[in-house]
Amino acid sequence: MKITPSSLTQARYCAMEYLARREHASLELSNKLARKGFDADVIESVLAQLQADNLLSDERFVEAYIRHRSNKGFGPLHIRQELQKRGINGDMISVDDESWVKSACQAREKRFGKLVPKLKSEQAKQFRFLQYRGFTFSQIEAVFRG
């Protein structure tokens, strides 16, 4: 199909509306525009234009997404998996960052309170909770040690 200026303009307008609400990954925005009925050539052109204008950035999306999900109490492994579903390379997340231990402590305290349990069964329950949230074994151990 031939790309017409009006379809480019409409696709860019739709993309800008999505980006005005929140940051998007390139794949995510591409899928949304495809669902609107725009051709692949038009979508590709619009995405390239937006990236050139620095209005669409996967790095910025990753930073915002990590901040949002870590504030909700999720760990690096969980966030990495969610980003991979959105077409982003999960290696952009640093698992070894010390701030993840602090985040794991906050998630545990929010759910179970400040006191670290003495019973092994209760520790195991909290350990499983933090594993489900996507924290690594070493991060969880640091929570119970410190």
C-alpha atoms as a PDB file:
ATOM      1  CA  MET A   1       0.000   0.000   0.000  1.00  0.00           C
ATOM      2  CA  LYS A   2       1.147   3.494  -0.761  1.00  0.00           C
ATOM      3  CA  ILE A   3       1.898   5.689   2.220  1.00  0.00           C
ATOM      4  CA  THR A   4      -0.167   8.843   2.055  1.00  0.00           C
ATOM      5  CA  PRO A   5       0.645  11.981   4.018  1.00  0.00           C
ATOM      6  CA  SER A   6      -2.741  11.866   5.708  1.00  0.00           C
ATOM      7  CA  SER A   7      -2.202   8.329   7.037  1.00  0.00           C
ATOM      8  CA  LEU A   8       1.245   9.337   8.324  1.00  0.00           C
ATOM      9  CA  THR A   9      -0.272  12.353  10.027  1.00  0.00           C
ATOM     10  CA  GLN A  10      -3.090  10.316  11.548  1.00  0.00           C
ATOM     11  CA  ALA A  11      -0.710   7.610  12.781  1.00  0.00           C
ATOM     12  CA  ARG A  12       1.624  10.187  14.292  1.00  0.00           C
ATOM     13  CA  TYR A  13      -1.321  11.913  15.966  1.00  0.00           C
ATOM     14  CA  CYS A  14      -2.493   8.597  17.489  1.00  0.00           C
ATOM     15  CA  ALA A  15       1.023   7.762  18.622  1.00  0.00           C
ATOM     16  CA  MET A  16       1.414  11.183  20.208  1.00  0.00           C
ATOM     17  CA  GLU A  17      -1.862  10.702  22.092  1.00  0.00           C
ATOM     18  CA  TYR A  18      -0.568   7.418  23.522  1.00  0.00           C
ATOM     19  CA  LEU A  19       2.779   8.969  24.436  1.00  0.00           C
ATOM     20  CA  ALA A  20       1.070  11.929  26.107  1.00  0.00           C
ATOM     21  CA  ARG A  21      -0.490   9.551  28.631  1.00  0.00           C
ATOM     22  CA  ARG A  22       2.700   7.599  29.491  1.00  0.00           C
ATOM     23  CA  GLU A  23       5.968   6.290  28.093  1.00  0.00           C
ATOM     24  CA  HIS A  24       5.638   3.334  25.729  1.00  0.00           C
ATOM     25  CA  ALA A  25       8.057   0.747  24.374  1.00  0.00           C
ATOM     26  CA  SER A  26       8.467   0.718  20.595  1.00  0.00           C
ATOM     27  CA  LEU A  27       6.850  -2.708  20.252  1.00  0.00           C
ATOM     28  CA  GLU A  28       3.975  -1.717  22.510  1.00  0.00           C
ATOM     29  CA  LEU A  29       3.265   1.438  20.500  1.00  0.00           C
ATOM     30  CA  SER A  30       3.615  -0.464  17.238  1.00  0.00           C
ATOM     31  CA  ASN A  31       1.016  -3.017  18.384  1.00  0.00           C
ATOM     32  CA  LYS A  32      -1.407  -0.297  19.435  1.00  0.00           C
ATOM     33  CA  LEU A  33      -1.105   1.460  16.080  1.00  0.00           C
ATOM     34  CA  ALA A  34      -1.558  -1.848  14.234  1.00  0.00           C
ATOM     35  CA  ARG A  35      -4.778  -2.481  16.193  1.00  0.00           C
ATOM     36  CA  LYS A  36      -5.964   0.943  15.017  1.00  0.00           C
ATOM     37  CA  GLY A  37      -5.578  -0.328  11.448  1.00  0.00           C
ATOM     38  CA  PHE A  38      -2.444   1.437  10.233  1.00  0.00           C
ATOM     39  CA  ASP A  39      -0.159  -0.344   7.761  1.00  0.00           C
ATOM     40  CA  ALA A  40       3.201  -1.704   8.861  1.00  0.00           C
ATOM     41  CA  ASP A  41       5.045   0.734   6.580  1.00  0.00           C
ATOM     42  CA  VAL A  42       3.235   3.702   8.098  1.00  0.00           C
ATOM     43  CA  ILE A  43       3.884   2.446  11.633  1.00  0.00           C
ATOM     44  CA  GLU A  44       7.563   1.882  10.926  1.00  0.00           C
ATOM     45  CA  SER A  45       7.901   5.361   9.469  1.00  0.00           C
ATOM     46  CA  VAL A  46       6.110   7.021  12.379  1.00  0.00           C
ATOM     47  CA  LEU A  47       8.157   5.145  14.992  1.00  0.00           C
ATOM     48  CA  ALA A  48      11.408   6.102  13.263  1.00  0.00           C
ATOM     49  CA  GLN A  49      10.255   9.728  13.155  1.00  0.00           C
ATOM     50  CA  LEU A  50       9.317   9.714  16.852  1.00  0.00           C
ATOM     51  CA  GLN A  51      12.647   8.164  17.828  1.00  0.00           C
ATOM     52  CA  ALA A  52      14.530  10.732  15.752  1.00  0.00           C
ATOM     53  CA  ASP A  53      12.598  13.502  17.513  1.00  0.00           C
ATOM     54  CA  ASN A  54      13.416  11.838  20.876  1.00  0.00           C
ATOM     55  CA  LEU A  55       9.719  11.471  21.679  1.00  0.00           C
ATOM     56  CA  LEU A  56       9.914   7.670  21.788  1.00  0.00           C
ATOM     57  CA  SER A  57      12.712   6.048  23.771  1.00  0.00           C
ATOM     58  CA  ASP A  58      12.931   2.473  24.998  1.00  0.00           C
ATOM     59  CA  GLU A  59      15.545   3.501  27.573  1.00  0.00           C
ATOM     60  CA  ARG A  60      13.245   6.141  29.027  1.00  0.00           C
ATOM     61  CA  PHE A  61      10.391   3.629  29.047  1.00  0.00           C
ATOM     62  CA  VAL A  62      12.554   1.107  30.940  1.00  0.00           C
ATOM     63  CA  GLU A  63      13.559   3.679  33.555  1.00  0.00           C
ATOM     64  CA  ALA A  64       9.962   4.748  34.153  1.00  0.00           C
ATOM     65  CA  TYR A  65       8.718   1.156  34.210  1.00  0.00           C
ATOM     66  CA  ILE A  66      11.381  -0.001  36.674  1.00  0.00           C
ATOM     67  CA  ARG A  67      10.644   2.936  38.966  1.00  0.00           C
ATOM     68  CA  HIS A  68       6.900   2.297  38.837  1.00  0.00           C
ATOM     69  CA  ARG A  69       7.067  -1.466  39.429  1.00  0.00           C
ATOM     70  CA  SER A  70       9.758  -1.308  42.118  1.00  0.00           C
ATOM     71  CA  ASN A  71       7.631   1.224  44.003  1.00  0.00           C
ATOM     72  CA  LYS A  72       4.848  -1.371  43.884  1.00  0.00           C
ATOM     73  CA  GLY A  73       7.164  -3.879  45.618  1.00  0.00           C
ATOM     74  CA  PHE A  74       8.327  -5.994  42.691  1.00  0.00           C
ATOM     75  CA  GLY A  75      11.881  -7.243  42.302  1.00  0.00           C
ATOM     76  CA  PRO A  76      14.282  -7.240  39.358  1.00  0.00           C
ATOM     77  CA  LEU A  77      13.481 -10.751  38.119  1.00  0.00           C
ATOM     78  CA  HIS A  78       9.744 -10.066  37.958  1.00  0.00           C
ATOM     79  CA  ILE A  79      10.277  -6.702  36.258  1.00  0.00           C
ATOM     80  CA  ARG A  80      12.750  -8.228  33.782  1.00  0.00           C
ATOM     81  CA  GLN A  81      10.151 -10.820  32.771  1.00  0.00           C
ATOM     82  CA  GLU A  82       7.474  -8.156  32.316  1.00  0.00           C
ATOM     83  CA  LEU A  83       9.809  -6.069  30.157  1.00  0.00           C
ATOM     84  CA  GLN A  84      10.618  -9.069  27.968  1.00  0.00           C
ATOM     85  CA  LYS A  85       6.887  -9.505  27.356  1.00  0.00           C
ATOM     86  CA  ARG A  86       6.878  -5.894  26.125  1.00  0.00           C
ATOM     87  CA  GLY A  87       9.733  -6.550  23.705  1.00  0.00           C
ATOM     88  CA  ILE A  88      12.515  -5.013  25.788  1.00  0.00           C
ATOM     89  CA  ASN A  89      15.841  -6.718  26.480  1.00  0.00           C
ATOM     90  CA  GLY A  90      15.808  -7.634  30.184  1.00  0.00           C
ATOM     91  CA  ASP A  91      19.556  -7.073  30.535  1.00  0.00           C
ATOM     92  CA  MET A  92      18.890  -3.363  31.033  1.00  0.00           C
ATOM     93  CA  ILE A  93      18.027  -4.121  34.686  1.00  0.00           C
ATOM     94  CA  SER A  94      20.873  -4.381  37.177  1.00  0.00           C
ATOM     95  CA  VAL A  95      20.083  -7.265  39.532  1.00  0.00           C
ATOM     96  CA  ASP A  96      23.106  -6.598  41.752  1.00  0.00           C
ATOM     97  CA  ASP A  97      22.053  -3.081  42.717  1.00  0.00           C
ATOM     98  CA  GLU A  98      21.894  -2.616  46.500  1.00  0.00           C
ATOM     99  CA  SER A  99      18.623  -0.694  46.240  1.00  0.00           C
ATOM    100  CA  TRP A 100      16.813  -3.976  45.480  1.00  0.00           C
ATOM    101  CA  VAL A 101      17.571  -5.218  49.021  1.00  0.00           C
ATOM    102  CA  LYS A 102      15.976  -2.062  50.397  1.00  0.00           C
ATOM    103  CA  SER A 103      12.993  -2.588  48.110  1.00  0.00           C
ATOM    104  CA  ALA A 104      12.676  -6.211  49.272  1.00  0.00           C
ATOM    105  CA  CYS A 105      12.768  -5.060  52.913  1.00  0.00           C
ATOM    106  CA  GLN A 106      10.013  -2.544  52.240  1.00  0.00           C
ATOM    107  CA  ALA A 107       7.855  -5.134  50.460  1.00  0.00           C
ATOM    108  CA  ARG A 108       8.276  -7.614  53.338  1.00  0.00           C
ATOM    109  CA  GLU A 109       7.550  -4.980  55.990  1.00  0.00           C
ATOM    110  CA  LYS A 110       4.491  -3.722  54.156  1.00  0.00           C
ATOM    111  CA  ARG A 111       3.042  -7.213  53.964  1.00  0.00           C
ATOM    112  CA  PHE A 112       4.199  -8.768  57.268  1.00  0.00           C
ATOM    113  CA  GLY A 113       5.283  -5.949  59.606  1.00  0.00           C
ATOM    114  CA  LYS A 114       8.662  -4.865  60.935  1.00  0.00           C
ATOM    115  CA  LEU A 115       9.520  -7.905  63.067  1.00  0.00           C
ATOM    116  CA  VAL A 116      11.544 -10.629  61.367  1.00  0.00           C
ATOM    117  CA  PRO A 117       9.946 -13.982  62.265  1.00  0.00           C
ATOM    118  CA  LYS A 118      11.739 -16.561  64.424  1.00  0.00           C
ATOM    119  CA  LEU A 119       9.723 -19.574  63.263  1.00  0.00           C
ATOM    120  CA  LYS A 120      11.080 -21.347  60.191  1.00  0.00           C
ATOM    121  CA  SER A 121       7.587 -21.850  58.780  1.00  0.00           C
ATOM    122  CA  GLU A 122       6.864 -18.115  58.922  1.00  0.00           C
ATOM    123  CA  GLN A 123      10.283 -17.316  57.429  1.00  0.00           C
ATOM    124  CA  ALA A 124       9.568 -19.758  54.603  1.00  0.00           C
ATOM    125  CA  LYS A 125       6.221 -18.085  53.943  1.00  0.00           C
ATOM    126  CA  GLN A 126       7.843 -14.657  53.712  1.00  0.00           C
ATOM    127  CA  PHE A 127      10.695 -16.062  51.626  1.00  0.00           C
ATOM    128  CA  ARG A 128       8.213 -17.490  49.096  1.00  0.00           C
ATOM    129  CA  PHE A 129       6.374 -14.164  49.001  1.00  0.00           C
ATOM    130  CA  LEU A 130       9.585 -12.307  48.118  1.00  0.00           C
ATOM    131  CA  GLN A 131      10.518 -14.949  45.536  1.00  0.00           C
ATOM    132  CA  TYR A 132       7.117 -14.543  43.894  1.00  0.00           C
ATOM    133  CA  ARG A 133       7.692 -10.790  43.828  1.00  0.00           C
ATOM    134  CA  GLY A 134      10.887 -11.374  41.811  1.00  0.00           C
ATOM    135  CA  PHE A 135      13.721 -10.870  44.261  1.00  0.00           C
ATOM    136  CA  THR A 136      16.871 -12.993  44.038  1.00  0.00           C
ATOM    137  CA  PHE A 137      17.968 -15.503  46.668  1.00  0.00           C
ATOM    138  CA  SER A 138      20.832 -13.276  47.846  1.00  0.00           C
ATOM    139  CA  GLN A 139      18.540 -10.247  48.159  1.00  0.00           C
ATOM    140  CA  ILE A 140      16.041 -12.236  50.220  1.00  0.00           C
ATOM    141  CA  GLU A 141      18.805 -13.615  52.458  1.00  0.00           C
ATOM    142  CA  ALA A 142      20.023 -10.053  53.045  1.00  0.00           C
ATOM    143  CA  VAL A 143      16.518  -9.068  54.163  1.00  0.00           C
ATOM    144  CA  PHE A 144      16.438 -11.791  56.801  1.00  0.00           C
ATOM    145  CA  ARG A 145      20.045 -11.160  57.917  1.00  0.00           C
ATOM    146  CA  GLY A 146      19.813  -7.421  58.215  1.00  0.00           C
END
